[in-house]
Amino acid sequence: IVQANKRDLPGALSREEVQQVLGQD
């Protein structure tokens, strides 16, 4: 499970942007 951390900070990436970076794996 991926825990997308530091979501409170300004400029945090969107969920979609994070998933793009994580890729197919």
PDBML (XML) file of the C-alpha atoms, coordinates in Angstrom:
<?xml version="1.0" encoding="UTF-8" ?>
<PDBx:datablock datablockName="MODEL"
   xmlns:PDBx="http://pdbml.pdb.org/schema/pdbx-v50.xsd"
   xmlns:xsi="http://www.w3.org/2001/XMLSchema-instance"
   xsi:schemaLocation="http://pdbml.pdb.org/schema/pdbx-v50.xsd pdbx-v50.xsd">
   <PDBx:atom_siteCategory>
      <PDBx:atom_site id="1">
         <PDBx:B_iso_or_equiv>0.00</PDBx:B_iso_or_equiv>
         <PDBx:Cartn_x>0.000</PDBx:Cartn_x>
         <PDBx:Cartn_y>0.000</PDBx:Cartn_y>
         <PDBx:Cartn_z>0.000</PDBx:Cartn_z>
         <PDBx:auth_asym_id>A</PDBx:auth_asym_id>
         <PDBx:auth_atom_id>CA</PDBx:auth_atom_id>
         <PDBx:auth_comp_id>ILE</PDBx:auth_comp_id>
         <PDBx:auth_seq_id>1</PDBx:auth_seq_id>
         <PDBx:group_PDB>ATOM</PDBx:group_PDB>
         <PDBx:label_alt_id xsi:nil="true" />
         <PDBx:label_asym_id>A</PDBx:label_asym_id>
         <PDBx:label_atom_id>CA</PDBx:label_atom_id>
         <PDBx:label_comp_id>ILE</PDBx:label_comp_id>
         <PDBx:label_entity_id>1</PDBx:label_entity_id>
         <PDBx:label_seq_id>1</PDBx:label_seq_id>
         <PDBx:occupancy>1.00</PDBx:occupancy>
         <PDBx:pdbx_PDB_model_num>1</PDBx:pdbx_PDB_model_num>
         <PDBx:type_symbol>C</PDBx:type_symbol>
      </PDBx:atom_site>
      <PDBx:atom_site id="2">
         <PDBx:B_iso_or_equiv>0.00</PDBx:B_iso_or_equiv>
         <PDBx:Cartn_x>1.346</PDBx:Cartn_x>
         <PDBx:Cartn_y>3.461</PDBx:Cartn_y>
         <PDBx:Cartn_z>-0.871</PDBx:Cartn_z>
         <PDBx:auth_asym_id>A</PDBx:auth_asym_id>
         <PDBx:auth_atom_id>CA</PDBx:auth_atom_id>
         <PDBx:auth_comp_id>VAL</PDBx:auth_comp_id>
         <PDBx:auth_seq_id>2</PDBx:auth_seq_id>
         <PDBx:group_PDB>ATOM</PDBx:group_PDB>
         <PDBx:label_alt_id xsi:nil="true" />
         <PDBx:label_asym_id>A</PDBx:label_asym_id>
         <PDBx:label_atom_id>CA</PDBx:label_atom_id>
         <PDBx:label_comp_id>VAL</PDBx:label_comp_id>
         <PDBx:label_entity_id>1</PDBx:label_entity_id>
         <PDBx:label_seq_id>2</PDBx:label_seq_id>
         <PDBx:occupancy>1.00</PDBx:occupancy>
         <PDBx:pdbx_PDB_model_num>1</PDBx:pdbx_PDB_model_num>
         <PDBx:type_symbol>C</PDBx:type_symbol>
      </PDBx:atom_site>
      <PDBx:atom_site id="3">
         <PDBx:B_iso_or_equiv>0.00</PDBx:B_iso_or_equiv>
         <PDBx:Cartn_x>1.073</PDBx:Cartn_x>
         <PDBx:Cartn_y>6.035</PDBx:Cartn_y>
         <PDBx:Cartn_z>1.905</PDBx:Cartn_z>
         <PDBx:auth_asym_id>A</PDBx:auth_asym_id>
         <PDBx:auth_atom_id>CA</PDBx:auth_atom_id>
         <PDBx:auth_comp_id>GLN</PDBx:auth_comp_id>
         <PDBx:auth_seq_id>3</PDBx:auth_seq_id>
         <PDBx:group_PDB>ATOM</PDBx:group_PDB>
         <PDBx:label_alt_id xsi:nil="true" />
         <PDBx:label_asym_id>A</PDBx:label_asym_id>
         <PDBx:label_atom_id>CA</PDBx:label_atom_id>
         <PDBx:label_comp_id>GLN</PDBx:label_comp_id>
         <PDBx:label_entity_id>1</PDBx:label_entity_id>
         <PDBx:label_seq_id>3</PDBx:label_seq_id>
         <PDBx:occupancy>1.00</PDBx:occupancy>
         <PDBx:pdbx_PDB_model_num>1</PDBx:pdbx_PDB_model_num>
         <PDBx:type_symbol>C</PDBx:type_symbol>
      </PDBx:atom_site>
      <PDBx:atom_site id="4">
         <PDBx:B_iso_or_equiv>0.00</PDBx:B_iso_or_equiv>
         <PDBx:Cartn_x>1.198</PDBx:Cartn_x>
         <PDBx:Cartn_y>9.440</PDBx:Cartn_y>
         <PDBx:Cartn_z>0.195</PDBx:Cartn_z>
         <PDBx:auth_asym_id>A</PDBx:auth_asym_id>
         <PDBx:auth_atom_id>CA</PDBx:auth_atom_id>
         <PDBx:auth_comp_id>ALA</PDBx:auth_comp_id>
         <PDBx:auth_seq_id>4</PDBx:auth_seq_id>
         <PDBx:group_PDB>ATOM</PDBx:group_PDB>
         <PDBx:label_alt_id xsi:nil="true" />
         <PDBx:label_asym_id>A</PDBx:label_asym_id>
         <PDBx:label_atom_id>CA</PDBx:label_atom_id>
         <PDBx:label_comp_id>ALA</PDBx:label_comp_id>
         <PDBx:label_entity_id>1</PDBx:label_entity_id>
         <PDBx:label_seq_id>4</PDBx:label_seq_id>
         <PDBx:occupancy>1.00</PDBx:occupancy>
         <PDBx:pdbx_PDB_model_num>1</PDBx:pdbx_PDB_model_num>
         <PDBx:type_symbol>C</PDBx:type_symbol>
      </PDBx:atom_site>
      <PDBx:atom_site id="5">
         <PDBx:B_iso_or_equiv>0.00</PDBx:B_iso_or_equiv>
         <PDBx:Cartn_x>2.660</PDBx:Cartn_x>
         <PDBx:Cartn_y>11.528</PDBx:Cartn_y>
         <PDBx:Cartn_z>2.998</PDBx:Cartn_z>
         <PDBx:auth_asym_id>A</PDBx:auth_asym_id>
         <PDBx:auth_atom_id>CA</PDBx:auth_atom_id>
         <PDBx:auth_comp_id>ASN</PDBx:auth_comp_id>
         <PDBx:auth_seq_id>5</PDBx:auth_seq_id>
         <PDBx:group_PDB>ATOM</PDBx:group_PDB>
         <PDBx:label_alt_id xsi:nil="true" />
         <PDBx:label_asym_id>A</PDBx:label_asym_id>
         <PDBx:label_atom_id>CA</PDBx:label_atom_id>
         <PDBx:label_comp_id>ASN</PDBx:label_comp_id>
         <PDBx:label_entity_id>1</PDBx:label_entity_id>
         <PDBx:label_seq_id>5</PDBx:label_seq_id>
         <PDBx:occupancy>1.00</PDBx:occupancy>
         <PDBx:pdbx_PDB_model_num>1</PDBx:pdbx_PDB_model_num>
         <PDBx:type_symbol>C</PDBx:type_symbol>
      </PDBx:atom_site>
      <PDBx:atom_site id="6">
         <PDBx:B_iso_or_equiv>0.00</PDBx:B_iso_or_equiv>
         <PDBx:Cartn_x>3.010</PDBx:Cartn_x>
         <PDBx:Cartn_y>15.279</PDBx:Cartn_y>
         <PDBx:Cartn_z>3.671</PDBx:Cartn_z>
         <PDBx:auth_asym_id>A</PDBx:auth_asym_id>
         <PDBx:auth_atom_id>CA</PDBx:auth_atom_id>
         <PDBx:auth_comp_id>LYS</PDBx:auth_comp_id>
         <PDBx:auth_seq_id>6</PDBx:auth_seq_id>
         <PDBx:group_PDB>ATOM</PDBx:group_PDB>
         <PDBx:label_alt_id xsi:nil="true" />
         <PDBx:label_asym_id>A</PDBx:label_asym_id>
         <PDBx:label_atom_id>CA</PDBx:label_atom_id>
         <PDBx:label_comp_id>LYS</PDBx:label_comp_id>
         <PDBx:label_entity_id>1</PDBx:label_entity_id>
         <PDBx:label_seq_id>6</PDBx:label_seq_id>
         <PDBx:occupancy>1.00</PDBx:occupancy>
         <PDBx:pdbx_PDB_model_num>1</PDBx:pdbx_PDB_model_num>
         <PDBx:type_symbol>C</PDBx:type_symbol>
      </PDBx:atom_site>
      <PDBx:atom_site id="7">
         <PDBx:B_iso_or_equiv>0.00</PDBx:B_iso_or_equiv>
         <PDBx:Cartn_x>-0.319</PDBx:Cartn_x>
         <PDBx:Cartn_y>16.031</PDBx:Cartn_y>
         <PDBx:Cartn_z>2.043</PDBx:Cartn_z>
         <PDBx:auth_asym_id>A</PDBx:auth_asym_id>
         <PDBx:auth_atom_id>CA</PDBx:auth_atom_id>
         <PDBx:auth_comp_id>ARG</PDBx:auth_comp_id>
         <PDBx:auth_seq_id>7</PDBx:auth_seq_id>
         <PDBx:group_PDB>ATOM</PDBx:group_PDB>
         <PDBx:label_alt_id xsi:nil="true" />
         <PDBx:label_asym_id>A</PDBx:label_asym_id>
         <PDBx:label_atom_id>CA</PDBx:label_atom_id>
         <PDBx:label_comp_id>ARG</PDBx:label_comp_id>
         <PDBx:label_entity_id>1</PDBx:label_entity_id>
         <PDBx:label_seq_id>7</PDBx:label_seq_id>
         <PDBx:occupancy>1.00</PDBx:occupancy>
         <PDBx:pdbx_PDB_model_num>1</PDBx:pdbx_PDB_model_num>
         <PDBx:type_symbol>C</PDBx:type_symbol>
      </PDBx:atom_site>
      <PDBx:atom_site id="8">
         <PDBx:B_iso_or_equiv>0.00</PDBx:B_iso_or_equiv>
         <PDBx:Cartn_x>-0.653</PDBx:Cartn_x>
         <PDBx:Cartn_y>19.071</PDBx:Cartn_y>
         <PDBx:Cartn_z>4.299</PDBx:Cartn_z>
         <PDBx:auth_asym_id>A</PDBx:auth_asym_id>
         <PDBx:auth_atom_id>CA</PDBx:auth_atom_id>
         <PDBx:auth_comp_id>ASP</PDBx:auth_comp_id>
         <PDBx:auth_seq_id>8</PDBx:auth_seq_id>
         <PDBx:group_PDB>ATOM</PDBx:group_PDB>
         <PDBx:label_alt_id xsi:nil="true" />
         <PDBx:label_asym_id>A</PDBx:label_asym_id>
         <PDBx:label_atom_id>CA</PDBx:label_atom_id>
         <PDBx:label_comp_id>ASP</PDBx:label_comp_id>
         <PDBx:label_entity_id>1</PDBx:label_entity_id>
         <PDBx:label_seq_id>8</PDBx:label_seq_id>
         <PDBx:occupancy>1.00</PDBx:occupancy>
         <PDBx:pdbx_PDB_model_num>1</PDBx:pdbx_PDB_model_num>
         <PDBx:type_symbol>C</PDBx:type_symbol>
      </PDBx:atom_site>
      <PDBx:atom_site id="9">
         <PDBx:B_iso_or_equiv>0.00</PDBx:B_iso_or_equiv>
         <PDBx:Cartn_x>2.119</PDBx:Cartn_x>
         <PDBx:Cartn_y>21.001</PDBx:Cartn_y>
         <PDBx:Cartn_z>2.565</PDBx:Cartn_z>
         <PDBx:auth_asym_id>A</PDBx:auth_asym_id>
         <PDBx:auth_atom_id>CA</PDBx:auth_atom_id>
         <PDBx:auth_comp_id>LEU</PDBx:auth_comp_id>
         <PDBx:auth_seq_id>9</PDBx:auth_seq_id>
         <PDBx:group_PDB>ATOM</PDBx:group_PDB>
         <PDBx:label_alt_id xsi:nil="true" />
         <PDBx:label_asym_id>A</PDBx:label_asym_id>
         <PDBx:label_atom_id>CA</PDBx:label_atom_id>
         <PDBx:label_comp_id>LEU</PDBx:label_comp_id>
         <PDBx:label_entity_id>1</PDBx:label_entity_id>
         <PDBx:label_seq_id>9</PDBx:label_seq_id>
         <PDBx:occupancy>1.00</PDBx:occupancy>
         <PDBx:pdbx_PDB_model_num>1</PDBx:pdbx_PDB_model_num>
         <PDBx:type_symbol>C</PDBx:type_symbol>
      </PDBx:atom_site>
      <PDBx:atom_site id="10">
         <PDBx:B_iso_or_equiv>0.00</PDBx:B_iso_or_equiv>
         <PDBx:Cartn_x>1.371</PDBx:Cartn_x>
         <PDBx:Cartn_y>23.615</PDBx:Cartn_y>
         <PDBx:Cartn_z>-0.094</PDBx:Cartn_z>
         <PDBx:auth_asym_id>A</PDBx:auth_asym_id>
         <PDBx:auth_atom_id>CA</PDBx:auth_atom_id>
         <PDBx:auth_comp_id>PRO</PDBx:auth_comp_id>
         <PDBx:auth_seq_id>10</PDBx:auth_seq_id>
         <PDBx:group_PDB>ATOM</PDBx:group_PDB>
         <PDBx:label_alt_id xsi:nil="true" />
         <PDBx:label_asym_id>A</PDBx:label_asym_id>
         <PDBx:label_atom_id>CA</PDBx:label_atom_id>
         <PDBx:label_comp_id>PRO</PDBx:label_comp_id>
         <PDBx:label_entity_id>1</PDBx:label_entity_id>
         <PDBx:label_seq_id>10</PDBx:label_seq_id>
         <PDBx:occupancy>1.00</PDBx:occupancy>
         <PDBx:pdbx_PDB_model_num>1</PDBx:pdbx_PDB_model_num>
         <PDBx:type_symbol>C</PDBx:type_symbol>
      </PDBx:atom_site>
      <PDBx:atom_site id="11">
         <PDBx:B_iso_or_equiv>0.00</PDBx:B_iso_or_equiv>
         <PDBx:Cartn_x>2.371</PDBx:Cartn_x>
         <PDBx:Cartn_y>22.420</PDBx:Cartn_y>
         <PDBx:Cartn_z>-3.537</PDBx:Cartn_z>
         <PDBx:auth_asym_id>A</PDBx:auth_asym_id>
         <PDBx:auth_atom_id>CA</PDBx:auth_atom_id>
         <PDBx:auth_comp_id>GLY</PDBx:auth_comp_id>
         <PDBx:auth_seq_id>11</PDBx:auth_seq_id>
         <PDBx:group_PDB>ATOM</PDBx:group_PDB>
         <PDBx:label_alt_id xsi:nil="true" />
         <PDBx:label_asym_id>A</PDBx:label_asym_id>
         <PDBx:label_atom_id>CA</PDBx:label_atom_id>
         <PDBx:label_comp_id>GLY</PDBx:label_comp_id>
         <PDBx:label_entity_id>1</PDBx:label_entity_id>
         <PDBx:label_seq_id>11</PDBx:label_seq_id>
         <PDBx:occupancy>1.00</PDBx:occupancy>
         <PDBx:pdbx_PDB_model_num>1</PDBx:pdbx_PDB_model_num>
         <PDBx:type_symbol>C</PDBx:type_symbol>
      </PDBx:atom_site>
      <PDBx:atom_site id="12">
         <PDBx:B_iso_or_equiv>0.00</PDBx:B_iso_or_equiv>
         <PDBx:Cartn_x>1.784</PDBx:Cartn_x>
         <PDBx:Cartn_y>18.745</PDBx:Cartn_y>
         <PDBx:Cartn_z>-2.766</PDBx:Cartn_z>
         <PDBx:auth_asym_id>A</PDBx:auth_asym_id>
         <PDBx:auth_atom_id>CA</PDBx:auth_atom_id>
         <PDBx:auth_comp_id>ALA</PDBx:auth_comp_id>
         <PDBx:auth_seq_id>12</PDBx:auth_seq_id>
         <PDBx:group_PDB>ATOM</PDBx:group_PDB>
         <PDBx:label_alt_id xsi:nil="true" />
         <PDBx:label_asym_id>A</PDBx:label_asym_id>
         <PDBx:label_atom_id>CA</PDBx:label_atom_id>
         <PDBx:label_comp_id>ALA</PDBx:label_comp_id>
         <PDBx:label_entity_id>1</PDBx:label_entity_id>
         <PDBx:label_seq_id>12</PDBx:label_seq_id>
         <PDBx:occupancy>1.00</PDBx:occupancy>
         <PDBx:pdbx_PDB_model_num>1</PDBx:pdbx_PDB_model_num>
         <PDBx:type_symbol>C</PDBx:type_symbol>
      </PDBx:atom_site>
      <PDBx:atom_site id="13">
         <PDBx:B_iso_or_equiv>0.00</PDBx:B_iso_or_equiv>
         <PDBx:Cartn_x>1.208</PDBx:Cartn_x>
         <PDBx:Cartn_y>16.723</PDBx:Cartn_y>
         <PDBx:Cartn_z>-5.909</PDBx:Cartn_z>
         <PDBx:auth_asym_id>A</PDBx:auth_asym_id>
         <PDBx:auth_atom_id>CA</PDBx:auth_atom_id>
         <PDBx:auth_comp_id>LEU</PDBx:auth_comp_id>
         <PDBx:auth_seq_id>13</PDBx:auth_seq_id>
         <PDBx:group_PDB>ATOM</PDBx:group_PDB>
         <PDBx:label_alt_id xsi:nil="true" />
         <PDBx:label_asym_id>A</PDBx:label_asym_id>
         <PDBx:label_atom_id>CA</PDBx:label_atom_id>
         <PDBx:label_comp_id>LEU</PDBx:label_comp_id>
         <PDBx:label_entity_id>1</PDBx:label_entity_id>
         <PDBx:label_seq_id>13</PDBx:label_seq_id>
         <PDBx:occupancy>1.00</PDBx:occupancy>
         <PDBx:pdbx_PDB_model_num>1</PDBx:pdbx_PDB_model_num>
         <PDBx:type_symbol>C</PDBx:type_symbol>
      </PDBx:atom_site>
      <PDBx:atom_site id="14">
         <PDBx:B_iso_or_equiv>0.00</PDBx:B_iso_or_equiv>
         <PDBx:Cartn_x>-2.277</PDBx:Cartn_x>
         <PDBx:Cartn_y>15.516</PDBx:Cartn_y>
         <PDBx:Cartn_z>-6.768</PDBx:Cartn_z>
         <PDBx:auth_asym_id>A</PDBx:auth_asym_id>
         <PDBx:auth_atom_id>CA</PDBx:auth_atom_id>
         <PDBx:auth_comp_id>SER</PDBx:auth_comp_id>
         <PDBx:auth_seq_id>14</PDBx:auth_seq_id>
         <PDBx:group_PDB>ATOM</PDBx:group_PDB>
         <PDBx:label_alt_id xsi:nil="true" />
         <PDBx:label_asym_id>A</PDBx:label_asym_id>
         <PDBx:label_atom_id>CA</PDBx:label_atom_id>
         <PDBx:label_comp_id>SER</PDBx:label_comp_id>
         <PDBx:label_entity_id>1</PDBx:label_entity_id>
         <PDBx:label_seq_id>14</PDBx:label_seq_id>
         <PDBx:occupancy>1.00</PDBx:occupancy>
         <PDBx:pdbx_PDB_model_num>1</PDBx:pdbx_PDB_model_num>
         <PDBx:type_symbol>C</PDBx:type_symbol>
      </PDBx:atom_site>
      <PDBx:atom_site id="15">
         <PDBx:B_iso_or_equiv>0.00</PDBx:B_iso_or_equiv>
         <PDBx:Cartn_x>-3.138</PDBx:Cartn_x>
         <PDBx:Cartn_y>11.830</PDBx:Cartn_y>
         <PDBx:Cartn_z>-6.486</PDBx:Cartn_z>
         <PDBx:auth_asym_id>A</PDBx:auth_asym_id>
         <PDBx:auth_atom_id>CA</PDBx:auth_atom_id>
         <PDBx:auth_comp_id>ARG</PDBx:auth_comp_id>
         <PDBx:auth_seq_id>15</PDBx:auth_seq_id>
         <PDBx:group_PDB>ATOM</PDBx:group_PDB>
         <PDBx:label_alt_id xsi:nil="true" />
         <PDBx:label_asym_id>A</PDBx:label_asym_id>
         <PDBx:label_atom_id>CA</PDBx:label_atom_id>
         <PDBx:label_comp_id>ARG</PDBx:label_comp_id>
         <PDBx:label_entity_id>1</PDBx:label_entity_id>
         <PDBx:label_seq_id>15</PDBx:label_seq_id>
         <PDBx:occupancy>1.00</PDBx:occupancy>
         <PDBx:pdbx_PDB_model_num>1</PDBx:pdbx_PDB_model_num>
         <PDBx:type_symbol>C</PDBx:type_symbol>
      </PDBx:atom_site>
      <PDBx:atom_site id="16">
         <PDBx:B_iso_or_equiv>0.00</PDBx:B_iso_or_equiv>
         <PDBx:Cartn_x>-3.113</PDBx:Cartn_x>
         <PDBx:Cartn_y>11.595</PDBx:Cartn_y>
         <PDBx:Cartn_z>-10.281</PDBx:Cartn_z>
         <PDBx:auth_asym_id>A</PDBx:auth_asym_id>
         <PDBx:auth_atom_id>CA</PDBx:auth_atom_id>
         <PDBx:auth_comp_id>GLU</PDBx:auth_comp_id>
         <PDBx:auth_seq_id>16</PDBx:auth_seq_id>
         <PDBx:group_PDB>ATOM</PDBx:group_PDB>
         <PDBx:label_alt_id xsi:nil="true" />
         <PDBx:label_asym_id>A</PDBx:label_asym_id>
         <PDBx:label_atom_id>CA</PDBx:label_atom_id>
         <PDBx:label_comp_id>GLU</PDBx:label_comp_id>
         <PDBx:label_entity_id>1</PDBx:label_entity_id>
         <PDBx:label_seq_id>16</PDBx:label_seq_id>
         <PDBx:occupancy>1.00</PDBx:occupancy>
         <PDBx:pdbx_PDB_model_num>1</PDBx:pdbx_PDB_model_num>
         <PDBx:type_symbol>C</PDBx:type_symbol>
      </PDBx:atom_site>
      <PDBx:atom_site id="17">
         <PDBx:B_iso_or_equiv>0.00</PDBx:B_iso_or_equiv>
         <PDBx:Cartn_x>0.379</PDBx:Cartn_x>
         <PDBx:Cartn_y>13.115</PDBx:Cartn_y>
         <PDBx:Cartn_z>-10.502</PDBx:Cartn_z>
         <PDBx:auth_asym_id>A</PDBx:auth_asym_id>
         <PDBx:auth_atom_id>CA</PDBx:auth_atom_id>
         <PDBx:auth_comp_id>GLU</PDBx:auth_comp_id>
         <PDBx:auth_seq_id>17</PDBx:auth_seq_id>
         <PDBx:group_PDB>ATOM</PDBx:group_PDB>
         <PDBx:label_alt_id xsi:nil="true" />
         <PDBx:label_asym_id>A</PDBx:label_asym_id>
         <PDBx:label_atom_id>CA</PDBx:label_atom_id>
         <PDBx:label_comp_id>GLU</PDBx:label_comp_id>
         <PDBx:label_entity_id>1</PDBx:label_entity_id>
         <PDBx:label_seq_id>17</PDBx:label_seq_id>
         <PDBx:occupancy>1.00</PDBx:occupancy>
         <PDBx:pdbx_PDB_model_num>1</PDBx:pdbx_PDB_model_num>
         <PDBx:type_symbol>C</PDBx:type_symbol>
      </PDBx:atom_site>
      <PDBx:atom_site id="18">
         <PDBx:B_iso_or_equiv>0.00</PDBx:B_iso_or_equiv>
         <PDBx:Cartn_x>1.655</PDBx:Cartn_x>
         <PDBx:Cartn_y>10.743</PDBx:Cartn_y>
         <PDBx:Cartn_z>-7.821</PDBx:Cartn_z>
         <PDBx:auth_asym_id>A</PDBx:auth_asym_id>
         <PDBx:auth_atom_id>CA</PDBx:auth_atom_id>
         <PDBx:auth_comp_id>VAL</PDBx:auth_comp_id>
         <PDBx:auth_seq_id>18</PDBx:auth_seq_id>
         <PDBx:group_PDB>ATOM</PDBx:group_PDB>
         <PDBx:label_alt_id xsi:nil="true" />
         <PDBx:label_asym_id>A</PDBx:label_asym_id>
         <PDBx:label_atom_id>CA</PDBx:label_atom_id>
         <PDBx:label_comp_id>VAL</PDBx:label_comp_id>
         <PDBx:label_entity_id>1</PDBx:label_entity_id>
         <PDBx:label_seq_id>18</PDBx:label_seq_id>
         <PDBx:occupancy>1.00</PDBx:occupancy>
         <PDBx:pdbx_PDB_model_num>1</PDBx:pdbx_PDB_model_num>
         <PDBx:type_symbol>C</PDBx:type_symbol>
      </PDBx:atom_site>
      <PDBx:atom_site id="19">
         <PDBx:B_iso_or_equiv>0.00</PDBx:B_iso_or_equiv>
         <PDBx:Cartn_x>0.247</PDBx:Cartn_x>
         <PDBx:Cartn_y>7.717</PDBx:Cartn_y>
         <PDBx:Cartn_z>-9.632</PDBx:Cartn_z>
         <PDBx:auth_asym_id>A</PDBx:auth_asym_id>
         <PDBx:auth_atom_id>CA</PDBx:auth_atom_id>
         <PDBx:auth_comp_id>GLN</PDBx:auth_comp_id>
         <PDBx:auth_seq_id>19</PDBx:auth_seq_id>
         <PDBx:group_PDB>ATOM</PDBx:group_PDB>
         <PDBx:label_alt_id xsi:nil="true" />
         <PDBx:label_asym_id>A</PDBx:label_asym_id>
         <PDBx:label_atom_id>CA</PDBx:label_atom_id>
         <PDBx:label_comp_id>GLN</PDBx:label_comp_id>
         <PDBx:label_entity_id>1</PDBx:label_entity_id>
         <PDBx:label_seq_id>19</PDBx:label_seq_id>
         <PDBx:occupancy>1.00</PDBx:occupancy>
         <PDBx:pdbx_PDB_model_num>1</PDBx:pdbx_PDB_model_num>
         <PDBx:type_symbol>C</PDBx:type_symbol>
      </PDBx:atom_site>
      <PDBx:atom_site id="20">
         <PDBx:B_iso_or_equiv>0.00</PDBx:B_iso_or_equiv>
         <PDBx:Cartn_x>1.862</PDBx:Cartn_x>
         <PDBx:Cartn_y>8.849</PDBx:Cartn_y>
         <PDBx:Cartn_z>-12.869</PDBx:Cartn_z>
         <PDBx:auth_asym_id>A</PDBx:auth_asym_id>
         <PDBx:auth_atom_id>CA</PDBx:auth_atom_id>
         <PDBx:auth_comp_id>GLN</PDBx:auth_comp_id>
         <PDBx:auth_seq_id>20</PDBx:auth_seq_id>
         <PDBx:group_PDB>ATOM</PDBx:group_PDB>
         <PDBx:label_alt_id xsi:nil="true" />
         <PDBx:label_asym_id>A</PDBx:label_asym_id>
         <PDBx:label_atom_id>CA</PDBx:label_atom_id>
         <PDBx:label_comp_id>GLN</PDBx:label_comp_id>
         <PDBx:label_entity_id>1</PDBx:label_entity_id>
         <PDBx:label_seq_id>20</PDBx:label_seq_id>
         <PDBx:occupancy>1.00</PDBx:occupancy>
         <PDBx:pdbx_PDB_model_num>1</PDBx:pdbx_PDB_model_num>
         <PDBx:type_symbol>C</PDBx:type_symbol>
      </PDBx:atom_site>
      <PDBx:atom_site id="21">
         <PDBx:B_iso_or_equiv>0.00</PDBx:B_iso_or_equiv>
         <PDBx:Cartn_x>5.271</PDBx:Cartn_x>
         <PDBx:Cartn_y>8.905</PDBx:Cartn_y>
         <PDBx:Cartn_z>-11.180</PDBx:Cartn_z>
         <PDBx:auth_asym_id>A</PDBx:auth_asym_id>
         <PDBx:auth_atom_id>CA</PDBx:auth_atom_id>
         <PDBx:auth_comp_id>VAL</PDBx:auth_comp_id>
         <PDBx:auth_seq_id>21</PDBx:auth_seq_id>
         <PDBx:group_PDB>ATOM</PDBx:group_PDB>
         <PDBx:label_alt_id xsi:nil="true" />
         <PDBx:label_asym_id>A</PDBx:label_asym_id>
         <PDBx:label_atom_id>CA</PDBx:label_atom_id>
         <PDBx:label_comp_id>VAL</PDBx:label_comp_id>
         <PDBx:label_entity_id>1</PDBx:label_entity_id>
         <PDBx:label_seq_id>21</PDBx:label_seq_id>
         <PDBx:occupancy>1.00</PDBx:occupancy>
         <PDBx:pdbx_PDB_model_num>1</PDBx:pdbx_PDB_model_num>
         <PDBx:type_symbol>C</PDBx:type_symbol>
      </PDBx:atom_site>
      <PDBx:atom_site id="22">
         <PDBx:B_iso_or_equiv>0.00</PDBx:B_iso_or_equiv>
         <PDBx:Cartn_x>4.715</PDBx:Cartn_x>
         <PDBx:Cartn_y>5.504</PDBx:Cartn_y>
         <PDBx:Cartn_z>-9.569</PDBx:Cartn_z>
         <PDBx:auth_asym_id>A</PDBx:auth_asym_id>
         <PDBx:auth_atom_id>CA</PDBx:auth_atom_id>
         <PDBx:auth_comp_id>LEU</PDBx:auth_comp_id>
         <PDBx:auth_seq_id>22</PDBx:auth_seq_id>
         <PDBx:group_PDB>ATOM</PDBx:group_PDB>
         <PDBx:label_alt_id xsi:nil="true" />
         <PDBx:label_asym_id>A</PDBx:label_asym_id>
         <PDBx:label_atom_id>CA</PDBx:label_atom_id>
         <PDBx:label_comp_id>LEU</PDBx:label_comp_id>
         <PDBx:label_entity_id>1</PDBx:label_entity_id>
         <PDBx:label_seq_id>22</PDBx:label_seq_id>
         <PDBx:occupancy>1.00</PDBx:occupancy>
         <PDBx:pdbx_PDB_model_num>1</PDBx:pdbx_PDB_model_num>
         <PDBx:type_symbol>C</PDBx:type_symbol>
      </PDBx:atom_site>
      <PDBx:atom_site id="23">
         <PDBx:B_iso_or_equiv>0.00</PDBx:B_iso_or_equiv>
         <PDBx:Cartn_x>4.028</PDBx:Cartn_x>
         <PDBx:Cartn_y>4.064</PDBx:Cartn_y>
         <PDBx:Cartn_z>-13.017</PDBx:Cartn_z>
         <PDBx:auth_asym_id>A</PDBx:auth_asym_id>
         <PDBx:auth_atom_id>CA</PDBx:auth_atom_id>
         <PDBx:auth_comp_id>GLY</PDBx:auth_comp_id>
         <PDBx:auth_seq_id>23</PDBx:auth_seq_id>
         <PDBx:group_PDB>ATOM</PDBx:group_PDB>
         <PDBx:label_alt_id xsi:nil="true" />
         <PDBx:label_asym_id>A</PDBx:label_asym_id>
         <PDBx:label_atom_id>CA</PDBx:label_atom_id>
         <PDBx:label_comp_id>GLY</PDBx:label_comp_id>
         <PDBx:label_entity_id>1</PDBx:label_entity_id>
         <PDBx:label_seq_id>23</PDBx:label_seq_id>
         <PDBx:occupancy>1.00</PDBx:occupancy>
         <PDBx:pdbx_PDB_model_num>1</PDBx:pdbx_PDB_model_num>
         <PDBx:type_symbol>C</PDBx:type_symbol>
      </PDBx:atom_site>
      <PDBx:atom_site id="24">
         <PDBx:B_iso_or_equiv>0.00</PDBx:B_iso_or_equiv>
         <PDBx:Cartn_x>2.884</PDBx:Cartn_x>
         <PDBx:Cartn_y>0.607</PDBx:Cartn_y>
         <PDBx:Cartn_z>-14.008</PDBx:Cartn_z>
         <PDBx:auth_asym_id>A</PDBx:auth_asym_id>
         <PDBx:auth_atom_id>CA</PDBx:auth_atom_id>
         <PDBx:auth_comp_id>GLN</PDBx:auth_comp_id>
         <PDBx:auth_seq_id>24</PDBx:auth_seq_id>
         <PDBx:group_PDB>ATOM</PDBx:group_PDB>
         <PDBx:label_alt_id xsi:nil="true" />
         <PDBx:label_asym_id>A</PDBx:label_asym_id>
         <PDBx:label_atom_id>CA</PDBx:label_atom_id>
         <PDBx:label_comp_id>GLN</PDBx:label_comp_id>
         <PDBx:label_entity_id>1</PDBx:label_entity_id>
         <PDBx:label_seq_id>24</PDBx:label_seq_id>
         <PDBx:occupancy>1.00</PDBx:occupancy>
         <PDBx:pdbx_PDB_model_num>1</PDBx:pdbx_PDB_model_num>
         <PDBx:type_symbol>C</PDBx:type_symbol>
      </PDBx:atom_site>
      <PDBx:atom_site id="25">
         <PDBx:B_iso_or_equiv>0.00</PDBx:B_iso_or_equiv>
         <PDBx:Cartn_x>4.651</PDBx:Cartn_x>
         <PDBx:Cartn_y>-1.202</PDBx:Cartn_y>
         <PDBx:Cartn_z>-11.161</PDBx:Cartn_z>
         <PDBx:auth_asym_id>A</PDBx:auth_asym_id>
         <PDBx:auth_atom_id>CA</PDBx:auth_atom_id>
         <PDBx:auth_comp_id>ASP</PDBx:auth_comp_id>
         <PDBx:auth_seq_id>25</PDBx:auth_seq_id>
         <PDBx:group_PDB>ATOM</PDBx:group_PDB>
         <PDBx:label_alt_id xsi:nil="true" />
         <PDBx:label_asym_id>A</PDBx:label_asym_id>
         <PDBx:label_atom_id>CA</PDBx:label_atom_id>
         <PDBx:label_comp_id>ASP</PDBx:label_comp_id>
         <PDBx:label_entity_id>1</PDBx:label_entity_id>
         <PDBx:label_seq_id>25</PDBx:label_seq_id>
         <PDBx:occupancy>1.00</PDBx:occupancy>
         <PDBx:pdbx_PDB_model_num>1</PDBx:pdbx_PDB_model_num>
         <PDBx:type_symbol>C</PDBx:type_symbol>
      </PDBx:atom_site>
   </PDBx:atom_siteCategory>
</PDBx:datablock>
